[in-house]
Amino acid sequence: MTQPPADLHGWILPDYLDISDKLAEGEYFLNLMAGTTDWNQFRWLTSAFLNAARASLDWLGMSVQYAIPGEGQYEMERDERAFAKLSEYVSIKHEKRGGKVYVSPLHPLLVELCKHRTETAHNGPLWIRPKQVTRPGEFVMGETSVLEFGRNVLALLNTIQREVRADID
């Protein structure tokens, strides 16, 4: 990868179909979650984790849609192989007029991820209980351990990353 222009110095510019930075961000918050029994801290870290995990889907959707240089100076084309693979997990809609790419989950775990992320981003605090625990693994959303859920989401996102872009370890 070449050096970014001077006005972008310090920015992280992901490679084609590479969500490893977002995955690392999610792992960072998940590790912090695993180290606290404070209910408020745990909820706030969970919210940050959910945002990072959800954003990785958007990154992949955009990257798949605008993957290959097209014929015009600023034209990019979709990577059909990557699109087909990613479409097993999410629905991808491309708005021709504005160029926006919308990604909606299909896989049940991603549907749950997005449900929880929407709740904390738009409706109110997460449904994490109980307020007092002796170990972080005791925090649950519904009947599911929050840490177990987070680990499963990260594992699935890593699988998707490998399947969509086979050259990433």
Protein backbone atom coordinates (compact mmCIF):
# COMPACT_ATOMS: atom_id res chain seq x y z
CA MET A 1 0.00 0.00 0.00
CA THR A 2 1.38 3.42 -0.88
CA GLN A 3 1.70 6.28 1.59
CA PRO A 4 -1.49 8.32 1.97
CA PRO A 5 -1.49 11.91 0.77
CA ALA A 6 -0.17 14.41 3.34
CA ASP A 7 -3.68 15.59 4.23
CA LEU A 8 -4.62 12.02 5.19
CA HIS A 9 -1.47 11.34 7.24
CA GLY A 10 -2.38 9.32 10.32
CA TRP A 11 -5.59 7.92 8.86
CA ILE A 12 -6.10 4.20 8.68
CA LEU A 13 -6.90 3.31 5.10
CA PRO A 14 -8.19 -0.27 4.98
CA ASP A 15 -7.20 -2.55 2.15
CA TYR A 16 -9.79 -3.93 -0.23
CA LEU A 17 -12.39 -6.00 1.66
CA ASP A 18 -10.38 -5.71 4.89
CA ILE A 19 -12.32 -5.21 8.12
CA SER A 20 -9.46 -6.26 10.39
CA ASP A 21 -9.30 -2.79 11.99
CA LYS A 22 -13.00 -2.95 12.94
CA LEU A 23 -12.56 -6.52 14.16
CA ALA A 24 -9.62 -5.42 16.33
CA GLU A 25 -11.76 -2.57 17.69
CA GLY A 26 -14.52 -5.02 18.58
CA GLU A 27 -12.03 -7.38 20.22
CA TYR A 28 -10.59 -4.47 22.20
CA PHE A 29 -14.01 -3.60 23.66
CA LEU A 30 -14.85 -7.27 24.26
CA ASN A 31 -11.61 -7.68 26.24
CA LEU A 32 -12.47 -4.62 28.33
CA MET A 33 -15.96 -6.03 28.92
CA ALA A 34 -14.40 -9.27 30.18
CA GLY A 35 -12.44 -7.28 32.77
CA THR A 36 -15.24 -5.40 34.54
CA THR A 37 -18.13 -6.25 36.83
CA ASP A 38 -19.32 -2.63 37.00
CA TRP A 39 -22.76 -2.65 35.38
CA ASN A 40 -22.53 0.82 33.80
CA GLN A 41 -19.03 0.26 32.40
CA PHE A 42 -20.05 -3.12 31.04
CA ARG A 43 -23.14 -1.68 29.31
CA TRP A 44 -21.17 1.19 27.77
CA LEU A 45 -18.40 -1.12 26.57
CA THR A 46 -21.03 -3.49 25.15
CA SER A 47 -22.53 -0.59 23.23
CA ALA A 48 -19.10 0.27 21.79
CA PHE A 49 -18.57 -3.40 20.86
CA LEU A 50 -21.93 -3.58 19.09
CA ASN A 51 -21.17 -0.41 17.11
CA ALA A 52 -17.79 -1.74 15.97
CA ALA A 53 -19.26 -5.11 15.00
CA ARG A 54 -22.15 -3.53 13.08
CA ALA A 55 -19.82 -1.10 11.32
CA SER A 56 -17.74 -4.01 10.02
CA LEU A 57 -20.76 -5.15 8.01
CA ASP A 58 -21.14 -1.70 6.48
CA TRP A 59 -17.42 -1.61 5.64
CA LEU A 60 -17.68 -4.96 3.86
CA GLY A 61 -20.82 -3.94 1.98
CA MET A 62 -19.19 -0.75 0.67
CA SER A 63 -15.96 -2.54 -0.16
CA VAL A 64 -17.74 -5.28 -2.12
CA GLN A 65 -19.81 -2.75 -4.07
CA TYR A 66 -16.88 -0.46 -4.90
CA ALA A 67 -14.11 -3.04 -5.27
CA ILE A 68 -12.77 -2.96 -8.83
CA PRO A 69 -11.78 0.10 -10.86
CA GLY A 70 -14.30 0.68 -13.64
CA GLU A 71 -13.93 2.22 -17.04
CA GLY A 72 -14.40 5.86 -16.07
CA GLN A 73 -12.01 7.94 -13.98
CA TYR A 74 -14.08 7.69 -10.79
CA GLU A 75 -16.03 4.53 -11.54
CA MET A 76 -15.79 1.44 -9.38
CA GLU A 77 -17.47 -1.90 -9.96
CA ARG A 78 -18.77 -4.62 -7.71
CA ASP A 79 -16.68 -7.72 -6.94
CA GLU A 80 -19.21 -10.38 -7.95
CA ARG A 81 -17.45 -13.28 -6.18
CA ALA A 82 -17.17 -11.35 -2.91
CA PHE A 83 -20.74 -10.05 -3.33
CA ALA A 84 -22.08 -13.60 -3.72
CA LYS A 85 -20.20 -14.82 -0.65
CA LEU A 86 -21.20 -11.84 1.53
CA SER A 87 -24.81 -12.20 0.36
CA GLU A 88 -24.98 -15.51 2.23
CA TYR A 89 -24.83 -13.47 5.45
CA VAL A 90 -26.35 -10.09 4.61
CA SER A 91 -28.62 -8.47 2.07
CA ILE A 92 -26.80 -5.73 0.13
CA LYS A 93 -28.71 -2.97 -1.62
CA HIS A 94 -26.97 -0.35 -3.73
CA GLU A 95 -28.71 2.98 -4.28
CA LYS A 96 -27.67 3.98 -7.79
CA ARG A 97 -28.62 7.63 -7.41
CA GLY A 98 -26.54 8.52 -4.34
CA GLY A 99 -24.21 5.56 -4.32
CA LYS A 100 -25.16 4.55 -0.77
CA VAL A 101 -24.85 0.89 0.11
CA TYR A 102 -27.30 -0.61 2.62
CA VAL A 103 -26.45 -3.82 4.44
CA SER A 104 -29.14 -5.79 6.31
CA PRO A 105 -28.43 -8.98 8.25
CA LEU A 106 -29.69 -12.39 7.12
CA HIS A 107 -27.71 -14.69 9.42
CA PRO A 108 -29.56 -15.14 12.76
CA LEU A 109 -26.56 -14.05 14.86
CA LEU A 110 -26.14 -10.89 12.78
CA VAL A 111 -29.87 -10.20 13.07
CA GLU A 112 -29.48 -10.36 16.86
CA LEU A 113 -26.38 -8.15 16.72
CA CYS A 114 -28.25 -5.50 14.77
CA LYS A 115 -31.29 -5.72 17.04
CA HIS A 116 -29.15 -5.04 20.12
CA ARG A 117 -27.16 -2.32 18.35
CA THR A 118 -30.36 -0.57 17.22
CA GLU A 119 -31.73 -0.75 20.76
CA THR A 120 -28.71 0.92 22.34
CA ALA A 121 -28.22 3.45 19.52
CA HIS A 122 -31.82 4.58 19.07
CA ASN A 123 -34.12 3.42 21.85
CA GLY A 124 -32.34 3.34 25.19
CA PRO A 125 -29.93 1.36 27.33
CA LEU A 126 -29.28 -2.30 26.65
CA TRP A 127 -31.23 -4.99 28.44
CA ILE A 128 -28.24 -6.25 30.40
CA ARG A 129 -28.87 -7.80 33.78
CA PRO A 130 -28.34 -8.39 36.65
CA LYS A 131 -26.91 -5.12 37.97
CA GLN A 132 -24.60 -6.90 40.41
CA VAL A 133 -22.34 -9.79 39.41
CA THR A 134 -19.17 -11.38 40.70
CA ARG A 135 -17.90 -12.30 37.20
CA PRO A 136 -18.44 -10.45 33.89
CA GLY A 137 -19.68 -13.70 32.30
CA GLU A 138 -22.79 -13.47 34.49
CA PHE A 139 -24.14 -10.46 32.56
CA VAL A 140 -26.90 -11.56 30.19
CA MET A 141 -29.18 -10.12 27.51
CA GLY A 142 -32.32 -12.22 27.73
CA GLU A 143 -30.92 -15.67 28.48
CA THR A 144 -27.66 -15.21 26.56
CA SER A 145 -24.31 -14.42 28.17
CA VAL A 146 -23.20 -11.08 26.73
CA LEU A 147 -19.56 -12.20 26.58
CA GLU A 148 -20.47 -15.46 24.86
CA PHE A 149 -22.62 -13.54 22.38
CA GLY A 150 -19.74 -11.12 21.68
CA ARG A 151 -17.26 -13.94 21.15
CA ASN A 152 -19.67 -15.68 18.77
CA VAL A 153 -20.22 -12.46 16.80
CA LEU A 154 -16.47 -11.86 16.47
CA ALA A 155 -15.89 -15.46 15.39
CA LEU A 156 -18.60 -15.15 12.72
CA LEU A 157 -17.25 -11.80 11.47
CA ASN A 158 -13.76 -13.31 11.21
CA THR A 159 -15.21 -16.22 9.23
CA ILE A 160 -17.01 -13.83 6.89
CA GLN A 161 -13.79 -11.83 6.45
CA ARG A 162 -11.87 -14.99 5.50
CA GLU A 163 -14.56 -16.19 3.11
CA VAL A 164 -15.00 -12.87 1.36
CA ARG A 165 -11.29 -12.21 1.11
CA ALA A 166 -9.42 -15.49 1.14
CA ASP A 167 -5.94 -13.93 1.25
CA ILE A 168 -6.45 -12.53 4.78
CA ASP A 169 -5.34 -14.80 7.63
